[in-house]
Amino acid sequence: MQRVDLYIKVEVELEDEEKPDRVAAEICRQIQKNYVVRRAEFTNSITHE
């Protein structure tokens, strides 16, 4: 079995009260749960006006 690192860019639209780090944490949690990955991490966010 091979181990592969996948780098995925996700673009989302958030409500003003939503926090990017909390949304990213939930996305990571769902990826780990649904795809049985070893690790998912949030490393960076860029806010566009």
PDB file of N, CA and C in Angstrom:
ATOM      1  N   MET A   1       0.848  -1.168   0.000  1.00  0.00           N
ATOM      2  CA  MET A   1       0.000   0.000   0.000  1.00  0.00           C
ATOM      3  C   MET A   1       0.899   1.239   0.000  1.00  0.00           C
ATOM      4  N   GLN A   2       0.574   2.199  -0.830  1.00  0.00           N
ATOM      5  CA  GLN A   2       1.380   3.415  -0.894  1.00  0.00           C
ATOM      6  C   GLN A   2       0.743   4.538  -0.090  1.00  0.00           C
ATOM      7  N   ARG A   3       1.567   5.433   0.416  1.00  0.00           N
ATOM      8  CA  ARG A   3       1.104   6.607   1.150  1.00  0.00           C
ATOM      9  C   ARG A   3       1.277   7.818   0.241  1.00  0.00           C
ATOM     10  N   VAL A   4       0.238   8.626   0.132  1.00  0.00           N
ATOM     11  CA  VAL A   4       0.242   9.769  -0.778  1.00  0.00           C
ATOM     12  C   VAL A   4      -0.227  11.019  -0.027  1.00  0.00           C
ATOM     13  N   ASP A   5       0.454  12.146  -0.219  1.00  0.00           N
ATOM     14  CA  ASP A   5       0.005  13.429   0.304  1.00  0.00           C
ATOM     15  C   ASP A   5      -0.769  14.136  -0.802  1.00  0.00           C
ATOM     16  N   LEU A   6      -2.007  14.531  -0.514  1.00  0.00           N
ATOM     17  CA  LEU A   6      -2.826  15.268  -1.463  1.00  0.00           C
ATOM     18  C   LEU A   6      -2.989  16.696  -0.956  1.00  0.00           C
ATOM     19  N   TYR A   7      -2.772  17.671  -1.811  1.00  0.00           N
ATOM     20  CA  TYR A   7      -2.938  19.075  -1.451  1.00  0.00           C
ATOM     21  C   TYR A   7      -4.159  19.594  -2.191  1.00  0.00           C
ATOM     22  N   ILE A   8      -5.157  20.004  -1.422  1.00  0.00           N
ATOM     23  CA  ILE A   8      -6.441  20.397  -1.993  1.00  0.00           C
ATOM     24  C   ILE A   8      -6.748  21.837  -1.601  1.00  0.00           C
ATOM     25  N   LYS A   9      -7.128  22.629  -2.588  1.00  0.00           N
ATOM     26  CA  LYS A   9      -7.542  24.002  -2.323  1.00  0.00           C
ATOM     27  C   LYS A   9      -9.061  24.040  -2.279  1.00  0.00           C
ATOM     28  N   VAL A  10      -9.612  24.641  -1.231  1.00  0.00           N
ATOM     29  CA  VAL A  10     -11.055  24.737  -1.060  1.00  0.00           C
ATOM     30  C   VAL A  10     -11.409  26.204  -0.928  1.00  0.00           C
ATOM     31  N   GLU A  11     -12.349  26.657  -1.742  1.00  0.00           N
ATOM     32  CA  GLU A  11     -12.801  28.049  -1.685  1.00  0.00           C
ATOM     33  C   GLU A  11     -14.234  28.055  -1.170  1.00  0.00           C
ATOM     34  N   VAL A  12     -14.480  28.800  -0.086  1.00  0.00           N
ATOM     35  CA  VAL A  12     -15.809  28.837   0.518  1.00  0.00           C
ATOM     36  C   VAL A  12     -16.261  30.275   0.702  1.00  0.00           C
ATOM     37  N   GLU A  13     -17.560  30.453   0.774  1.00  0.00           N
ATOM     38  CA  GLU A  13     -18.135  31.750   1.111  1.00  0.00           C
ATOM     39  C   GLU A  13     -18.714  31.626   2.513  1.00  0.00           C
ATOM     40  N   LEU A  14     -18.282  32.498   3.413  1.00  0.00           N
ATOM     41  CA  LEU A  14     -18.706  32.432   4.807  1.00  0.00           C
ATOM     42  C   LEU A  14     -19.586  33.617   5.160  1.00  0.00           C
ATOM     43  N   GLU A  15     -20.492  33.385   6.082  1.00  0.00           N
ATOM     44  CA  GLU A  15     -21.267  34.475   6.654  1.00  0.00           C
ATOM     45  C   GLU A  15     -20.325  35.310   7.523  1.00  0.00           C
ATOM     46  N   ASP A  16     -20.688  36.553   7.790  1.00  0.00           N
ATOM     47  CA  ASP A  16     -19.822  37.449   8.559  1.00  0.00           C
ATOM     48  C   ASP A  16     -19.472  36.898   9.936  1.00  0.00           C
ATOM     49  N   GLU A  17     -20.401  36.180  10.569  1.00  0.00           N
ATOM     50  CA  GLU A  17     -20.154  35.679  11.918  1.00  0.00           C
ATOM     51  C   GLU A  17     -19.353  34.377  11.944  1.00  0.00           C
ATOM     52  N   GLU A  18     -19.187  33.734  10.800  1.00  0.00           N
ATOM     53  CA  GLU A  18     -18.418  32.482  10.740  1.00  0.00           C
ATOM     54  C   GLU A  18     -16.921  32.768  10.767  1.00  0.00           C
ATOM     55  N   LYS A  19     -16.189  31.877  11.414  1.00  0.00           N
ATOM     56  CA  LYS A  19     -14.736  32.018  11.524  1.00  0.00           C
ATOM     57  C   LYS A  19     -14.065  30.986  10.624  1.00  0.00           C
ATOM     58  N   PRO A  20     -13.139  31.455   9.763  1.00  0.00           N
ATOM     59  CA  PRO A  20     -12.477  30.533   8.821  1.00  0.00           C
ATOM     60  C   PRO A  20     -11.799  29.346   9.496  1.00  0.00           C
ATOM     61  N   ASP A  21     -11.174  29.561  10.649  1.00  0.00           N
ATOM     62  CA  ASP A  21     -10.473  28.460  11.301  1.00  0.00           C
ATOM     63  C   ASP A  21     -11.438  27.399  11.820  1.00  0.00           C
ATOM     64  N   ARG A  22     -12.615  27.800  12.248  1.00  0.00           N
ATOM     65  CA  ARG A  22     -13.597  26.818  12.713  1.00  0.00           C
ATOM     66  C   ARG A  22     -14.182  26.029  11.546  1.00  0.00           C
ATOM     67  N   VAL A  23     -14.435  26.706  10.436  1.00  0.00           N
ATOM     68  CA  VAL A  23     -14.940  26.013   9.250  1.00  0.00           C
ATOM     69  C   VAL A  23     -13.877  25.041   8.739  1.00  0.00           C
ATOM     70  N   ALA A  24     -12.624  25.484   8.710  1.00  0.00           N
ATOM     71  CA  ALA A  24     -11.532  24.614   8.253  1.00  0.00           C
ATOM     72  C   ALA A  24     -11.389  23.393   9.153  1.00  0.00           C
ATOM     73  N   ALA A  25     -11.513  23.585  10.454  1.00  0.00           N
ATOM     74  CA  ALA A  25     -11.419  22.460  11.390  1.00  0.00           C
ATOM     75  C   ALA A  25     -12.530  21.449  11.130  1.00  0.00           C
ATOM     76  N   GLU A  26     -13.738  21.945  10.833  1.00  0.00           N
ATOM     77  CA  GLU A  26     -14.856  21.038  10.545  1.00  0.00           C
ATOM     78  C   GLU A  26     -14.636  20.294   9.231  1.00  0.00           C
ATOM     79  N   ILE A  27     -14.101  20.982   8.231  1.00  0.00           N
ATOM     80  CA  ILE A  27     -13.800  20.316   6.958  1.00  0.00           C
ATOM     81  C   ILE A  27     -12.768  19.209   7.189  1.00  0.00           C
ATOM     82  N   CYS A  28     -11.735  19.499   7.948  1.00  0.00           N
ATOM     83  CA  CYS A  28     -10.713  18.483   8.256  1.00  0.00           C
ATOM     84  C   CYS A  28     -11.327  17.301   8.995  1.00  0.00           C
ATOM     85  N   ARG A  29     -12.190  17.587   9.957  1.00  0.00           N
ATOM     86  CA  ARG A  29     -12.835  16.526  10.724  1.00  0.00           C
ATOM     87  C   ARG A  29     -13.683  15.635   9.812  1.00  0.00           C
ATOM     88  N   GLN A  30     -14.423  16.244   8.894  1.00  0.00           N
ATOM     89  CA  GLN A  30     -15.260  15.470   7.984  1.00  0.00           C
ATOM     90  C   GLN A  30     -14.425  14.622   7.024  1.00  0.00           C
ATOM     91  N   ILE A  31     -13.319  15.176   6.553  1.00  0.00           N
ATOM     92  CA  ILE A  31     -12.436  14.411   5.666  1.00  0.00           C
ATOM     93  C   ILE A  31     -11.878  13.193   6.394  1.00  0.00           C
ATOM     94  N   GLN A  32     -11.439  13.403   7.636  1.00  0.00           N
ATOM     95  CA  GLN A  32     -10.904  12.281   8.401  1.00  0.00           C
ATOM     96  C   GLN A  32     -11.972  11.226   8.647  1.00  0.00           C
ATOM     97  N   LYS A  33     -13.176  11.650   8.934  1.00  0.00           N
ATOM     98  CA  LYS A  33     -14.266  10.718   9.224  1.00  0.00           C
ATOM     99  C   LYS A  33     -14.730   9.972   7.972  1.00  0.00           C
ATOM    100  N   ASN A  34     -14.951  10.698   6.893  1.00  0.00           N
ATOM    101  CA  ASN A  34     -15.547  10.106   5.696  1.00  0.00           C
ATOM    102  C   ASN A  34     -14.564   9.342   4.817  1.00  0.00           C
ATOM    103  N   TYR A  35     -13.318   9.709   4.853  1.00  0.00           N
ATOM    104  CA  TYR A  35     -12.344   9.073   3.957  1.00  0.00           C
ATOM    105  C   TYR A  35     -11.272   8.294   4.702  1.00  0.00           C
ATOM    106  N   VAL A  36     -11.395   8.159   5.989  1.00  0.00           N
ATOM    107  CA  VAL A  36     -10.473   7.407   6.823  1.00  0.00           C
ATOM    108  C   VAL A  36      -9.021   7.784   6.516  1.00  0.00           C
ATOM    109  N   VAL A  37      -8.743   9.076   6.505  1.00  0.00           N
ATOM    110  CA  VAL A  37      -7.379   9.542   6.283  1.00  0.00           C
ATOM    111  C   VAL A  37      -6.624   9.550   7.611  1.00  0.00           C
ATOM    112  N   ARG A  38      -5.308   9.470   7.530  1.00  0.00           N
ATOM    113  CA  ARG A  38      -4.490   9.503   8.738  1.00  0.00           C
ATOM    114  C   ARG A  38      -4.494  10.865   9.405  1.00  0.00           C
ATOM    115  N   ARG A  39      -4.406  11.915   8.581  1.00  0.00           N
ATOM    116  CA  ARG A  39      -4.314  13.259   9.142  1.00  0.00           C
ATOM    117  C   ARG A  39      -4.815  14.262   8.115  1.00  0.00           C
ATOM    118  N   ALA A  40      -5.552  15.247   8.586  1.00  0.00           N
ATOM    119  CA  ALA A  40      -5.958  16.385   7.767  1.00  0.00           C
ATOM    120  C   ALA A  40      -5.665  17.626   8.585  1.00  0.00           C
ATOM    121  N   GLU A  41      -5.055  18.619   7.979  1.00  0.00           N
ATOM    122  CA  GLU A  41      -4.699  19.808   8.743  1.00  0.00           C
ATOM    123  C   GLU A  41      -4.997  21.080   7.969  1.00  0.00           C
ATOM    124  N   PHE A  42      -5.257  22.125   8.716  1.00  0.00           N
ATOM    125  CA  PHE A  42      -5.481  23.455   8.168  1.00  0.00           C
ATOM    126  C   PHE A  42      -4.186  24.241   8.357  1.00  0.00           C
ATOM    127  N   THR A  43      -3.660  24.823   7.267  1.00  0.00           N
ATOM    128  CA  THR A  43      -2.384  25.524   7.391  1.00  0.00           C
ATOM    129  C   THR A  43      -2.445  27.001   7.079  1.00  0.00           C
ATOM    130  N   ASN A  44      -3.425  27.449   6.290  1.00  0.00           N
ATOM    131  CA  ASN A  44      -3.416  28.843   5.869  1.00  0.00           C
ATOM    132  C   ASN A  44      -4.786  29.260   5.364  1.00  0.00           C
ATOM    133  N   SER A  45      -5.076  30.554   5.498  1.00  0.00           N
ATOM    134  CA  SER A  45      -6.294  31.085   4.879  1.00  0.00           C
ATOM    135  C   SER A  45      -5.988  32.469   4.304  1.00  0.00           C
ATOM    136  N   ILE A  46      -6.657  32.794   3.220  1.00  0.00           N
ATOM    137  CA  ILE A  46      -6.515  34.087   2.579  1.00  0.00           C
ATOM    138  C   ILE A  46      -7.926  34.651   2.424  1.00  0.00           C
ATOM    139  N   THR A  47      -8.153  35.848   2.957  1.00  0.00           N
ATOM    140  CA  THR A  47      -9.463  36.471   2.869  1.00  0.00           C
ATOM    141  C   THR A  47      -9.488  37.441   1.716  1.00  0.00           C
ATOM    142  N   HIS A  48     -10.489  37.290   0.861  1.00  0.00           N
ATOM    143  CA  HIS A  48     -10.660  38.180  -0.288  1.00  0.00           C
ATOM    144  C   HIS A  48     -11.873  39.063  -0.011  1.00  0.00           C
ATOM    145  N   GLU A  49     -11.730  40.312  -0.265  1.00  0.00           N
ATOM    146  CA  GLU A  49     -12.844  41.256  -0.071  1.00  0.00           C
ATOM    147  C   GLU A  49     -13.745  41.261  -1.273  1.00  0.00           C
TER     148      GLU A  49
END
